[in-house]
Amino acid sequence: MEKAFIQIIEKVRKFLMQKGMGDISLDTLETAGISKEEILKFVDSKEELVERVLEFERDSFIQIFLEYNFEGQNAIDILFIVSQEINDRFVNVSPSVTMEFEKYFPEIYKKHMDQRMAFIFDKIQINVQKGVAQGMYREDLSPEIVGRMYLSRLEDMHNPELYPPDRFKFGTIYDTMIDSFVKSIATEDGLTYYRHRKQLLSVLSFGR
């Protein structure tokens, strides 16, 4: 995406966090200081704008795997790195905004989620295979089943009835989910390594 359009998308994301999806239009965005003329240089409608915002979300997630070389790294370390990057990059994502996308633009949202989940499913299976080979995860695991369980937990995270957005931050929910996920598949060596790394990272991030 062009840098100028990414700046527009960032403003739109901020607007959605503050105002919600219900009144979104090119005119209402303009009243919030987001130039309609500039938006129309890149998209022709609010539907296309929503598509591009969601595309930006997917690209931001994929970029994590392009920026880091995970080839020789410990499977548990990879989960820690991805978790931290998600917390940093998606600080403005909450279950309430996600559900509004689904409510007002169901077809666009479904296409986005199908693509996003397919990518995550593939990466989790690779992580499980790596973890088993490294002795971090149990040998009796099915990468496909574990991958599907992981996706199910992700879907639950975005359910506002389970996790009301006024009570739970996305980062807290995600960290808790990862903690439970690792403990459910790790070997004794994996759990020891996980607890050590978690304690170390907690000390390193103190005061951030």
N, C-alpha and C. Protein backbone atom coordinates (compact mmCIF):
# COMPACT_ATOMS: atom_id res chain seq x y z
N MET A 1 0.83 -1.20 0.00
CA MET A 1 0.00 0.00 0.00
C MET A 1 0.87 1.25 0.00
N GLU A 2 0.37 2.30 -0.65
CA GLU A 2 1.10 3.56 -0.65
C GLU A 2 1.11 4.17 0.75
N LYS A 3 2.21 4.85 1.06
CA LYS A 3 2.37 5.44 2.38
C LYS A 3 1.24 6.41 2.72
N ALA A 4 0.82 7.21 1.73
CA ALA A 4 -0.26 8.19 1.96
C ALA A 4 -1.56 7.48 2.32
N PHE A 5 -1.82 6.33 1.68
CA PHE A 5 -3.05 5.60 1.95
C PHE A 5 -2.98 4.92 3.32
N ILE A 6 -1.80 4.43 3.69
CA ILE A 6 -1.63 3.82 5.02
C ILE A 6 -1.93 4.85 6.11
N GLN A 7 -1.52 6.09 5.90
CA GLN A 7 -1.80 7.15 6.87
C GLN A 7 -3.30 7.39 6.99
N ILE A 8 -4.01 7.32 5.87
CA ILE A 8 -5.47 7.46 5.89
C ILE A 8 -6.10 6.30 6.67
N ILE A 9 -5.62 5.10 6.40
CA ILE A 9 -6.16 3.91 7.08
C ILE A 9 -5.95 4.00 8.59
N GLU A 10 -4.78 4.48 8.99
CA GLU A 10 -4.51 4.64 10.43
C GLU A 10 -5.53 5.60 11.06
N LYS A 11 -5.85 6.68 10.35
CA LYS A 11 -6.83 7.64 10.86
C LYS A 11 -8.22 7.01 10.93
N VAL A 12 -8.55 6.21 9.92
CA VAL A 12 -9.86 5.54 9.89
C VAL A 12 -9.97 4.57 11.06
N ARG A 13 -8.92 3.81 11.31
CA ARG A 13 -8.92 2.86 12.43
C ARG A 13 -9.15 3.59 13.75
N LYS A 14 -8.50 4.72 13.93
CA LYS A 14 -8.66 5.51 15.15
C LYS A 14 -10.09 6.01 15.27
N PHE A 15 -10.66 6.46 14.14
CA PHE A 15 -12.05 6.93 14.12
C PHE A 15 -13.00 5.81 14.54
N LEU A 16 -12.79 4.61 14.02
CA LEU A 16 -13.66 3.49 14.33
C LEU A 16 -13.58 3.12 15.81
N MET A 17 -12.39 3.22 16.39
CA MET A 17 -12.25 2.94 17.82
C MET A 17 -13.05 3.92 18.66
N GLN A 18 -13.09 5.17 18.22
CA GLN A 18 -13.75 6.22 19.00
C GLN A 18 -15.25 6.31 18.73
N LYS A 19 -15.64 6.14 17.47
CA LYS A 19 -17.03 6.38 17.08
C LYS A 19 -17.83 5.13 16.76
N GLY A 20 -17.15 4.04 16.45
CA GLY A 20 -17.87 2.84 16.05
C GLY A 20 -18.16 2.84 14.56
N MET A 21 -18.78 1.75 14.11
CA MET A 21 -18.99 1.55 12.68
C MET A 21 -20.34 2.07 12.19
N GLY A 22 -21.28 2.28 13.10
CA GLY A 22 -22.66 2.56 12.70
C GLY A 22 -22.83 3.74 11.77
N ASP A 23 -22.11 4.81 12.00
CA ASP A 23 -22.31 6.02 11.20
C ASP A 23 -21.21 6.23 10.17
N ILE A 24 -20.43 5.21 9.88
CA ILE A 24 -19.30 5.41 8.97
C ILE A 24 -19.79 5.70 7.55
N SER A 25 -19.26 6.76 6.98
CA SER A 25 -19.46 7.11 5.58
C SER A 25 -18.32 8.04 5.21
N LEU A 26 -18.14 8.27 3.94
CA LEU A 26 -17.07 9.17 3.52
C LEU A 26 -17.32 10.59 4.04
N ASP A 27 -18.60 10.94 4.19
CA ASP A 27 -18.93 12.28 4.70
C ASP A 27 -18.63 12.40 6.19
N THR A 28 -19.00 11.37 6.98
CA THR A 28 -18.74 11.44 8.42
C THR A 28 -17.24 11.38 8.70
N LEU A 29 -16.51 10.67 7.88
CA LEU A 29 -15.06 10.63 8.05
C LEU A 29 -14.45 12.01 7.79
N GLU A 30 -15.04 12.72 6.84
CA GLU A 30 -14.53 14.06 6.53
C GLU A 30 -14.75 15.00 7.71
N THR A 31 -15.87 14.85 8.42
CA THR A 31 -16.11 15.71 9.58
C THR A 31 -15.11 15.41 10.71
N ALA A 32 -14.50 14.23 10.64
CA ALA A 32 -13.50 13.86 11.64
C ALA A 32 -12.09 14.24 11.20
N GLY A 33 -12.01 14.99 10.10
CA GLY A 33 -10.71 15.46 9.64
C GLY A 33 -10.00 14.53 8.67
N ILE A 34 -10.74 13.53 8.15
CA ILE A 34 -10.17 12.60 7.17
C ILE A 34 -10.72 12.99 5.80
N SER A 35 -9.89 13.56 4.96
CA SER A 35 -10.31 14.16 3.70
C SER A 35 -10.99 13.15 2.76
N LYS A 36 -12.24 13.45 2.40
CA LYS A 36 -12.98 12.63 1.45
C LYS A 36 -12.27 12.62 0.10
N GLU A 37 -11.76 13.76 -0.29
CA GLU A 37 -11.05 13.87 -1.57
C GLU A 37 -9.82 12.96 -1.60
N GLU A 38 -9.09 12.90 -0.47
CA GLU A 38 -7.91 12.04 -0.41
C GLU A 38 -8.32 10.56 -0.44
N ILE A 39 -9.40 10.22 0.29
CA ILE A 39 -9.86 8.83 0.32
C ILE A 39 -10.22 8.35 -1.09
N LEU A 40 -10.91 9.24 -1.86
CA LEU A 40 -11.38 8.86 -3.19
C LEU A 40 -10.26 8.71 -4.20
N LYS A 41 -9.07 9.09 -3.83
CA LYS A 41 -7.92 8.83 -4.69
C LYS A 41 -7.55 7.34 -4.69
N PHE A 42 -7.99 6.64 -3.62
CA PHE A 42 -7.59 5.25 -3.46
C PHE A 42 -8.75 4.26 -3.52
N VAL A 43 -9.95 4.70 -3.11
CA VAL A 43 -11.12 3.81 -3.12
C VAL A 43 -12.34 4.57 -3.65
N ASP A 44 -13.37 3.80 -4.05
CA ASP A 44 -14.56 4.42 -4.63
C ASP A 44 -15.77 4.42 -3.71
N SER A 45 -15.68 3.70 -2.59
CA SER A 45 -16.84 3.58 -1.70
C SER A 45 -16.37 3.23 -0.29
N LYS A 46 -17.31 3.35 0.67
CA LYS A 46 -16.97 2.99 2.05
C LYS A 46 -16.75 1.49 2.16
N GLU A 47 -17.45 0.71 1.32
CA GLU A 47 -17.26 -0.74 1.34
C GLU A 47 -15.84 -1.10 0.93
N GLU A 48 -15.36 -0.44 -0.12
CA GLU A 48 -13.99 -0.71 -0.56
C GLU A 48 -12.99 -0.23 0.49
N LEU A 49 -13.31 0.86 1.16
CA LEU A 49 -12.43 1.37 2.22
C LEU A 49 -12.34 0.35 3.35
N VAL A 50 -13.47 -0.22 3.75
CA VAL A 50 -13.48 -1.24 4.79
C VAL A 50 -12.64 -2.45 4.37
N GLU A 51 -12.78 -2.86 3.11
CA GLU A 51 -11.98 -3.96 2.59
C GLU A 51 -10.50 -3.67 2.73
N ARG A 52 -10.10 -2.45 2.42
CA ARG A 52 -8.69 -2.09 2.47
C ARG A 52 -8.19 -1.96 3.91
N VAL A 53 -9.06 -1.51 4.81
CA VAL A 53 -8.68 -1.46 6.23
C VAL A 53 -8.41 -2.88 6.74
N LEU A 54 -9.27 -3.82 6.39
CA LEU A 54 -9.08 -5.20 6.82
C LEU A 54 -7.88 -5.84 6.13
N GLU A 55 -7.65 -5.46 4.89
CA GLU A 55 -6.46 -5.93 4.18
C GLU A 55 -5.20 -5.46 4.90
N PHE A 56 -5.23 -4.21 5.37
CA PHE A 56 -4.11 -3.66 6.12
C PHE A 56 -3.86 -4.45 7.40
N GLU A 57 -4.96 -4.86 8.07
CA GLU A 57 -4.83 -5.66 9.28
C GLU A 57 -4.13 -6.99 8.97
N ARG A 58 -4.53 -7.64 7.88
CA ARG A 58 -3.92 -8.92 7.50
C ARG A 58 -2.45 -8.73 7.13
N ASP A 59 -2.18 -7.70 6.35
CA ASP A 59 -0.80 -7.46 5.93
C ASP A 59 0.11 -7.17 7.12
N SER A 60 -0.43 -6.45 8.12
CA SER A 60 0.35 -6.13 9.31
C SER A 60 0.71 -7.41 10.08
N PHE A 61 -0.21 -8.36 10.08
CA PHE A 61 0.05 -9.63 10.76
C PHE A 61 1.07 -10.45 9.97
N ILE A 62 0.89 -10.52 8.67
CA ILE A 62 1.82 -11.29 7.83
C ILE A 62 3.22 -10.71 7.90
N GLN A 63 3.31 -9.39 8.04
CA GLN A 63 4.59 -8.70 8.07
C GLN A 63 5.46 -9.19 9.23
N ILE A 64 4.84 -9.62 10.32
CA ILE A 64 5.60 -10.15 11.45
C ILE A 64 6.48 -11.31 11.00
N PHE A 65 5.91 -12.18 10.17
CA PHE A 65 6.62 -13.38 9.73
C PHE A 65 7.64 -13.07 8.64
N LEU A 66 7.49 -11.92 7.99
CA LEU A 66 8.47 -11.51 6.99
C LEU A 66 9.67 -10.81 7.64
N GLU A 67 9.42 -10.14 8.75
CA GLU A 67 10.47 -9.38 9.42
C GLU A 67 11.36 -10.24 10.30
N TYR A 68 10.84 -11.36 10.79
CA TYR A 68 11.61 -12.22 11.67
C TYR A 68 11.99 -13.52 10.94
N ASN A 69 13.21 -13.98 11.20
CA ASN A 69 13.64 -15.27 10.67
C ASN A 69 13.39 -16.33 11.73
N PHE A 70 12.28 -17.05 11.60
CA PHE A 70 11.91 -18.03 12.61
C PHE A 70 12.49 -19.41 12.34
N GLU A 71 13.27 -19.55 11.29
CA GLU A 71 13.72 -20.86 10.83
C GLU A 71 14.39 -21.67 11.93
N GLY A 72 15.37 -21.09 12.62
CA GLY A 72 16.12 -21.86 13.61
C GLY A 72 15.73 -21.58 15.04
N GLN A 73 14.63 -20.89 15.25
CA GLN A 73 14.26 -20.49 16.61
C GLN A 73 13.41 -21.53 17.32
N ASN A 74 13.43 -21.46 18.64
CA ASN A 74 12.61 -22.31 19.47
C ASN A 74 11.13 -22.00 19.23
N ALA A 75 10.31 -23.04 19.16
CA ALA A 75 8.89 -22.86 18.86
C ALA A 75 8.19 -21.99 19.89
N ILE A 76 8.58 -22.13 21.15
CA ILE A 76 7.96 -21.33 22.21
C ILE A 76 8.39 -19.86 22.10
N ASP A 77 9.65 -19.64 21.75
CA ASP A 77 10.12 -18.26 21.54
C ASP A 77 9.34 -17.59 20.42
N ILE A 78 9.01 -18.34 19.39
CA ILE A 78 8.24 -17.79 18.27
C ILE A 78 6.89 -17.31 18.76
N LEU A 79 6.24 -18.09 19.61
CA LEU A 79 4.94 -17.68 20.15
C LEU A 79 5.06 -16.39 20.95
N PHE A 80 6.14 -16.28 21.75
CA PHE A 80 6.36 -15.06 22.53
C PHE A 80 6.55 -13.85 21.61
N ILE A 81 7.37 -14.02 20.57
CA ILE A 81 7.65 -12.90 19.65
C ILE A 81 6.38 -12.46 18.94
N VAL A 82 5.63 -13.42 18.40
CA VAL A 82 4.40 -13.09 17.67
C VAL A 82 3.39 -12.43 18.62
N SER A 83 3.30 -12.95 19.84
CA SER A 83 2.37 -12.38 20.82
C SER A 83 2.71 -10.93 21.11
N GLN A 84 3.99 -10.62 21.32
CA GLN A 84 4.40 -9.25 21.62
C GLN A 84 4.14 -8.33 20.43
N GLU A 85 4.43 -8.82 19.24
CA GLU A 85 4.21 -8.01 18.04
C GLU A 85 2.72 -7.71 17.83
N ILE A 86 1.88 -8.69 18.10
CA ILE A 86 0.43 -8.49 17.99
C ILE A 86 -0.02 -7.43 18.98
N ASN A 87 0.47 -7.52 20.21
CA ASN A 87 0.11 -6.52 21.22
C ASN A 87 0.54 -5.12 20.80
N ASP A 88 1.72 -5.03 20.19
CA ASP A 88 2.24 -3.72 19.77
C ASP A 88 1.51 -3.16 18.55
N ARG A 89 1.23 -4.02 17.59
CA ARG A 89 0.68 -3.57 16.31
C ARG A 89 -0.83 -3.44 16.31
N PHE A 90 -1.51 -4.18 17.19
CA PHE A 90 -2.97 -4.21 17.16
C PHE A 90 -3.56 -3.67 18.45
N VAL A 91 -2.88 -2.66 19.00
CA VAL A 91 -3.34 -2.06 20.25
C VAL A 91 -4.74 -1.46 20.10
N ASN A 92 -5.11 -1.05 18.87
CA ASN A 92 -6.41 -0.42 18.64
C ASN A 92 -7.49 -1.41 18.19
N VAL A 93 -7.17 -2.69 18.27
CA VAL A 93 -8.17 -3.69 17.89
C VAL A 93 -8.87 -4.18 19.15
N SER A 94 -10.18 -4.23 19.10
CA SER A 94 -10.94 -4.73 20.26
C SER A 94 -12.11 -5.57 19.76
N PRO A 95 -12.64 -6.47 20.60
CA PRO A 95 -13.79 -7.27 20.19
C PRO A 95 -14.96 -6.44 19.70
N SER A 96 -15.17 -5.26 20.29
CA SER A 96 -16.32 -4.44 19.89
C SER A 96 -16.19 -3.97 18.44
N VAL A 97 -15.00 -3.53 18.05
CA VAL A 97 -14.78 -3.09 16.66
C VAL A 97 -14.91 -4.27 15.70
N THR A 98 -14.33 -5.40 16.10
CA THR A 98 -14.39 -6.59 15.25
C THR A 98 -15.83 -7.01 15.00
N MET A 99 -16.65 -7.00 16.03
CA MET A 99 -18.04 -7.41 15.88
C MET A 99 -18.83 -6.42 15.03
N GLU A 100 -18.45 -5.15 15.07
CA GLU A 100 -19.14 -4.17 14.23
C GLU A 100 -18.82 -4.39 12.76
N PHE A 101 -17.58 -4.77 12.46
CA PHE A 101 -17.25 -5.13 11.08
C PHE A 101 -18.17 -6.26 10.62
N GLU A 102 -18.33 -7.26 11.48
CA GLU A 102 -19.15 -8.42 11.13
C GLU A 102 -20.62 -8.02 10.98
N LYS A 103 -21.09 -7.10 11.79
CA LYS A 103 -22.49 -6.69 11.76
C LYS A 103 -22.83 -5.86 10.53
N TYR A 104 -21.99 -4.87 10.21
CA TYR A 104 -22.32 -3.93 9.15
C TYR A 104 -21.80 -4.34 7.77
N PHE A 105 -20.75 -5.17 7.75
CA PHE A 105 -20.17 -5.60 6.46
C PHE A 105 -19.90 -7.10 6.52
N PRO A 106 -20.96 -7.92 6.64
CA PRO A 106 -20.78 -9.36 6.89
C PRO A 106 -20.00 -10.10 5.81
N GLU A 107 -20.26 -9.81 4.54
CA GLU A 107 -19.57 -10.53 3.46
C GLU A 107 -18.10 -10.16 3.42
N ILE A 108 -17.81 -8.87 3.55
CA ILE A 108 -16.43 -8.40 3.54
C ILE A 108 -15.68 -8.98 4.73
N TYR A 109 -16.34 -8.96 5.89
CA TYR A 109 -15.71 -9.46 7.11
C TYR A 109 -15.44 -10.96 7.01
N LYS A 110 -16.39 -11.73 6.46
CA LYS A 110 -16.21 -13.17 6.34
C LYS A 110 -15.02 -13.50 5.44
N LYS A 111 -14.92 -12.79 4.33
CA LYS A 111 -13.79 -13.02 3.41
C LYS A 111 -12.47 -12.73 4.12
N HIS A 112 -12.44 -11.63 4.87
CA HIS A 112 -11.25 -11.26 5.62
C HIS A 112 -10.88 -12.33 6.63
N MET A 113 -11.85 -12.81 7.41
CA MET A 113 -11.59 -13.79 8.45
C MET A 113 -11.16 -15.13 7.85
N ASP A 114 -11.76 -15.52 6.73
CA ASP A 114 -11.38 -16.78 6.09
C ASP A 114 -9.90 -16.73 5.69
N GLN A 115 -9.48 -15.61 5.10
CA GLN A 115 -8.08 -15.48 4.69
C GLN A 115 -7.15 -15.42 5.89
N ARG A 116 -7.56 -14.67 6.90
CA ARG A 116 -6.73 -14.52 8.10
C ARG A 116 -6.57 -15.84 8.84
N MET A 117 -7.67 -16.56 9.02
CA MET A 117 -7.63 -17.82 9.74
C MET A 117 -6.85 -18.89 8.98
N ALA A 118 -6.94 -18.88 7.65
CA ALA A 118 -6.18 -19.85 6.85
C ALA A 118 -4.68 -19.64 7.03
N PHE A 119 -4.26 -18.38 7.08
CA PHE A 119 -2.85 -18.07 7.28
C PHE A 119 -2.39 -18.51 8.67
N ILE A 120 -3.18 -18.18 9.70
CA ILE A 120 -2.83 -18.54 11.08
C ILE A 120 -2.81 -20.06 11.25
N PHE A 121 -3.79 -20.74 10.66
CA PHE A 121 -3.87 -22.20 10.74
C PHE A 121 -2.59 -22.84 10.21
N ASP A 122 -2.11 -22.34 9.10
CA ASP A 122 -0.88 -22.86 8.50
C ASP A 122 0.32 -22.63 9.42
N LYS A 123 0.42 -21.43 9.99
CA LYS A 123 1.57 -21.10 10.84
C LYS A 123 1.56 -21.88 12.14
N ILE A 124 0.39 -22.09 12.72
CA ILE A 124 0.30 -22.85 13.97
C ILE A 124 0.70 -24.31 13.75
N GLN A 125 0.28 -24.90 12.63
CA GLN A 125 0.67 -26.28 12.34
C GLN A 125 2.18 -26.40 12.20
N ILE A 126 2.80 -25.42 11.55
CA ILE A 126 4.26 -25.41 11.41
C ILE A 126 4.91 -25.29 12.79
N ASN A 127 4.34 -24.42 13.64
CA ASN A 127 4.89 -24.23 14.98
C ASN A 127 4.80 -25.52 15.79
N VAL A 128 3.69 -26.22 15.68
CA VAL A 128 3.51 -27.47 16.42
C VAL A 128 4.52 -28.51 15.95
N GLN A 129 4.69 -28.63 14.64
CA GLN A 129 5.66 -29.58 14.09
C GLN A 129 7.07 -29.26 14.58
N LYS A 130 7.41 -27.99 14.59
CA LYS A 130 8.72 -27.56 15.06
C LYS A 130 8.88 -27.87 16.56
N GLY A 131 7.85 -27.55 17.35
CA GLY A 131 7.91 -27.78 18.78
C GLY A 131 8.04 -29.24 19.14
N VAL A 132 7.35 -30.12 18.42
CA VAL A 132 7.46 -31.57 18.65
C VAL A 132 8.88 -32.03 18.34
N ALA A 133 9.43 -31.59 17.21
CA ALA A 133 10.78 -31.98 16.81
C ALA A 133 11.83 -31.49 17.81
N GLN A 134 11.57 -30.36 18.46
CA GLN A 134 12.51 -29.79 19.43
C GLN A 134 12.32 -30.33 20.83
N GLY A 135 11.29 -31.15 21.03
CA GLY A 135 11.02 -31.69 22.36
C GLY A 135 10.28 -30.72 23.27
N MET A 136 9.81 -29.61 22.71
CA MET A 136 9.07 -28.62 23.49
C MET A 136 7.59 -28.99 23.63
N TYR A 137 7.04 -29.67 22.62
CA TYR A 137 5.64 -30.08 22.62
C TYR A 137 5.56 -31.60 22.61
N ARG A 138 4.43 -32.13 23.07
CA ARG A 138 4.24 -33.57 23.18
C ARG A 138 4.22 -34.24 21.80
N GLU A 139 4.74 -35.45 21.75
CA GLU A 139 4.83 -36.18 20.49
C GLU A 139 3.49 -36.70 19.99
N ASP A 140 2.51 -36.82 20.90
CA ASP A 140 1.22 -37.39 20.52
C ASP A 140 0.26 -36.37 19.91
N LEU A 141 0.73 -35.16 19.66
CA LEU A 141 -0.14 -34.10 19.15
C LEU A 141 -0.38 -34.23 17.65
N SER A 142 -1.58 -33.88 17.23
CA SER A 142 -1.91 -33.75 15.82
C SER A 142 -1.84 -32.26 15.47
N PRO A 143 -0.91 -31.85 14.60
CA PRO A 143 -0.81 -30.43 14.24
C PRO A 143 -2.13 -29.86 13.72
N GLU A 144 -2.89 -30.67 12.99
CA GLU A 144 -4.16 -30.18 12.45
C GLU A 144 -5.17 -29.93 13.57
N ILE A 145 -5.30 -30.88 14.49
CA ILE A 145 -6.25 -30.71 15.58
C ILE A 145 -5.86 -29.54 16.47
N VAL A 146 -4.57 -29.44 16.80
CA VAL A 146 -4.10 -28.33 17.63
C VAL A 146 -4.37 -27.00 16.92
N GLY A 147 -4.13 -26.98 15.59
CA GLY A 147 -4.38 -25.77 14.82
C GLY A 147 -5.84 -25.36 14.87
N ARG A 148 -6.74 -26.33 14.76
CA ARG A 148 -8.17 -26.02 14.80
C ARG A 148 -8.59 -25.56 16.19
N MET A 149 -8.01 -26.15 17.22
CA MET A 149 -8.32 -25.72 18.59
C MET A 149 -7.85 -24.27 18.81
N TYR A 150 -6.69 -23.95 18.26
CA TYR A 150 -6.16 -22.59 18.38
C TYR A 150 -7.09 -21.59 17.71
N LEU A 151 -7.58 -21.93 16.51
CA LEU A 151 -8.50 -21.04 15.80
C LEU A 151 -9.80 -20.85 16.59
N SER A 152 -10.26 -21.93 17.22
CA SER A 152 -11.48 -21.83 18.03
C SER A 152 -11.29 -20.87 19.19
N ARG A 153 -10.11 -20.90 19.80
CA ARG A 153 -9.84 -19.98 20.90
C ARG A 153 -9.76 -18.53 20.41
N LEU A 154 -9.20 -18.34 19.23
CA LEU A 154 -9.14 -17.00 18.66
C LEU A 154 -10.54 -16.44 18.42
N GLU A 155 -11.43 -17.27 17.91
CA GLU A 155 -12.80 -16.84 17.67
C GLU A 155 -13.49 -16.46 18.97
N ASP A 156 -13.25 -17.23 20.01
CA ASP A 156 -13.84 -16.92 21.33
C ASP A 156 -13.34 -15.57 21.85
N MET A 157 -12.06 -15.25 21.57
CA MET A 157 -11.49 -13.99 22.04
C MET A 157 -12.26 -12.78 21.54
N HIS A 158 -12.85 -12.90 20.36
CA HIS A 158 -13.55 -11.77 19.75
C HIS A 158 -15.06 -11.79 20.03
N ASN A 159 -15.46 -12.61 20.98
CA ASN A 159 -16.87 -12.67 21.36
C ASN A 159 -17.10 -11.72 22.53
N PRO A 160 -17.80 -10.60 22.30
CA PRO A 160 -17.98 -9.60 23.36
C PRO A 160 -18.84 -10.09 24.51
N GLU A 161 -19.61 -11.15 24.29
CA GLU A 161 -20.39 -11.71 25.39
C GLU A 161 -19.49 -12.47 26.36
N LEU A 162 -18.46 -13.11 25.83
CA LEU A 162 -17.50 -13.80 26.69
C LEU A 162 -16.52 -12.83 27.33
N TYR A 163 -16.07 -11.85 26.53
CA TYR A 163 -15.07 -10.89 27.00
C TYR A 163 -15.54 -9.46 26.69
N PRO A 164 -16.41 -8.90 27.55
CA PRO A 164 -16.89 -7.54 27.32
C PRO A 164 -15.72 -6.56 27.16
N PRO A 165 -15.68 -5.79 26.07
CA PRO A 165 -14.55 -4.91 25.79
C PRO A 165 -14.31 -3.82 26.84
N ASP A 166 -15.36 -3.50 27.61
CA ASP A 166 -15.16 -2.49 28.66
C ASP A 166 -14.49 -3.07 29.90
N ARG A 167 -14.32 -4.39 29.92
CA ARG A 167 -13.69 -5.05 31.07
C ARG A 167 -12.36 -5.71 30.73
N PHE A 168 -12.17 -6.10 29.46
CA PHE A 168 -10.98 -6.85 29.10
C PHE A 168 -10.26 -6.22 27.91
N LYS A 169 -8.96 -6.02 28.08
CA LYS A 169 -8.14 -5.54 26.97
C LYS A 169 -7.75 -6.71 26.07
N PHE A 170 -7.62 -6.42 24.77
CA PHE A 170 -7.27 -7.46 23.80
C PHE A 170 -5.96 -8.14 24.19
N GLY A 171 -4.95 -7.34 24.56
CA GLY A 171 -3.64 -7.89 24.90
C GLY A 171 -3.70 -8.85 26.07
N THR A 172 -4.50 -8.51 27.07
CA THR A 172 -4.63 -9.37 28.25
C THR A 172 -5.30 -10.69 27.89
N ILE A 173 -6.34 -10.61 27.08
CA ILE A 173 -7.03 -11.83 26.64
C ILE A 173 -6.08 -12.72 25.85
N TYR A 174 -5.34 -12.10 24.92
CA TYR A 174 -4.45 -12.87 24.04
C TYR A 174 -3.33 -13.53 24.85
N ASP A 175 -2.73 -12.78 25.78
CA ASP A 175 -1.65 -13.34 26.60
C ASP A 175 -2.14 -14.52 27.43
N THR A 176 -3.35 -14.40 27.97
CA THR A 176 -3.92 -15.49 28.77
C THR A 176 -4.20 -16.70 27.91
N MET A 177 -4.69 -16.46 26.69
CA MET A 177 -4.96 -17.56 25.77
C MET A 177 -3.68 -18.30 25.41
N ILE A 178 -2.60 -17.56 25.12
CA ILE A 178 -1.33 -18.17 24.77
C ILE A 178 -0.78 -18.99 25.94
N ASP A 179 -0.91 -18.46 27.14
CA ASP A 179 -0.45 -19.16 28.33
C ASP A 179 -1.16 -20.50 28.47
N SER A 180 -2.47 -20.49 28.33
CA SER A 180 -3.26 -21.72 28.42
C SER A 180 -2.92 -22.67 27.28
N PHE A 181 -2.71 -22.12 26.09
CA PHE A 181 -2.41 -22.93 24.91
C PHE A 181 -1.10 -23.68 25.09
N VAL A 182 -0.05 -22.98 25.49
CA VAL A 182 1.26 -23.62 25.66
C VAL A 182 1.20 -24.70 26.73
N LYS A 183 0.56 -24.40 27.85
CA LYS A 183 0.48 -25.37 28.95
C LYS A 183 -0.29 -26.63 28.55
N SER A 184 -1.17 -26.52 27.57
CA SER A 184 -1.96 -27.68 27.16
C SER A 184 -1.22 -28.60 26.19
N ILE A 185 -0.12 -28.13 25.58
CA ILE A 185 0.57 -28.95 24.58
C ILE A 185 2.05 -29.19 24.90
N ALA A 186 2.60 -28.51 25.89
CA ALA A 186 4.04 -28.58 26.16
C ALA A 186 4.44 -29.83 26.94
N THR A 187 5.68 -30.28 26.71
CA THR A 187 6.29 -31.32 27.53
C THR A 187 6.78 -30.69 28.84
N GLU A 188 7.32 -31.50 29.73
CA GLU A 188 7.88 -30.96 30.96
C GLU A 188 9.04 -30.02 30.65
N ASP A 189 9.88 -30.41 29.70
CA ASP A 189 10.99 -29.53 29.29
C ASP A 189 10.45 -28.24 28.67
N GLY A 190 9.38 -28.38 27.89
CA GLY A 190 8.78 -27.21 27.26
C GLY A 190 8.20 -26.26 28.29
N LEU A 191 7.53 -26.82 29.30
CA LEU A 191 6.94 -25.99 30.35
C LEU A 191 8.02 -25.26 31.15
N THR A 192 9.12 -25.97 31.44
CA THR A 192 10.22 -25.34 32.18
C THR A 192 10.80 -24.19 31.37
N TYR A 193 11.00 -24.44 30.08
CA TYR A 193 11.55 -23.39 29.20
C TYR A 193 10.58 -22.22 29.11
N TYR A 194 9.30 -22.53 28.96
CA TYR A 194 8.27 -21.50 28.84
C TYR A 194 8.23 -20.60 30.08
N ARG A 195 8.25 -21.21 31.25
CA ARG A 195 8.18 -20.44 32.50
C ARG A 195 9.43 -19.57 32.67
N HIS A 196 10.59 -20.12 32.30
CA HIS A 196 11.82 -19.36 32.39
C HIS A 196 11.78 -18.15 31.45
N ARG A 197 11.37 -18.36 30.21
CA ARG A 197 11.32 -17.27 29.22
C ARG A 197 10.28 -16.22 29.61
N LYS A 198 9.14 -16.70 30.14
CA LYS A 198 8.09 -15.77 30.55
C LYS A 198 8.57 -14.88 31.69
N GLN A 199 9.28 -15.48 32.65
CA GLN A 199 9.81 -14.71 33.78
C GLN A 199 10.85 -13.71 33.30
N LEU A 200 11.73 -14.15 32.40
CA LEU A 200 12.77 -13.27 31.88
C LEU A 200 12.17 -12.10 31.11
N LEU A 201 11.20 -12.39 30.26
CA LEU A 201 10.57 -11.33 29.48
C LEU A 201 9.79 -10.37 30.36
N SER A 202 9.21 -10.87 31.44
CA SER A 202 8.50 -10.01 32.39
C SER A 202 9.45 -9.03 33.04
N VAL A 203 10.67 -9.49 33.36
CA VAL A 203 11.67 -8.61 33.97
C VAL A 203 12.15 -7.58 32.96
N LEU A 204 12.39 -8.02 31.72
CA LEU A 204 12.90 -7.13 30.68
C LEU A 204 11.90 -6.06 30.28
N SER A 205 10.60 -6.39 30.39
CA SER A 205 9.57 -5.45 29.97
C SER A 205 9.06 -4.60 31.14
N PHE A 206 9.62 -4.78 32.32
CA PHE A 206 9.15 -4.03 33.50
C PHE A 206 9.30 -2.54 33.27
N GLY A 207 8.20 -1.82 33.49
CA GLY A 207 8.24 -0.38 33.34
C GLY A 207 7.96 0.13 31.93
N ARG A 208 7.75 -0.83 30.99
CA ARG A 208 7.45 -0.39 29.62
C ARG A 208 6.06 0.22 29.53
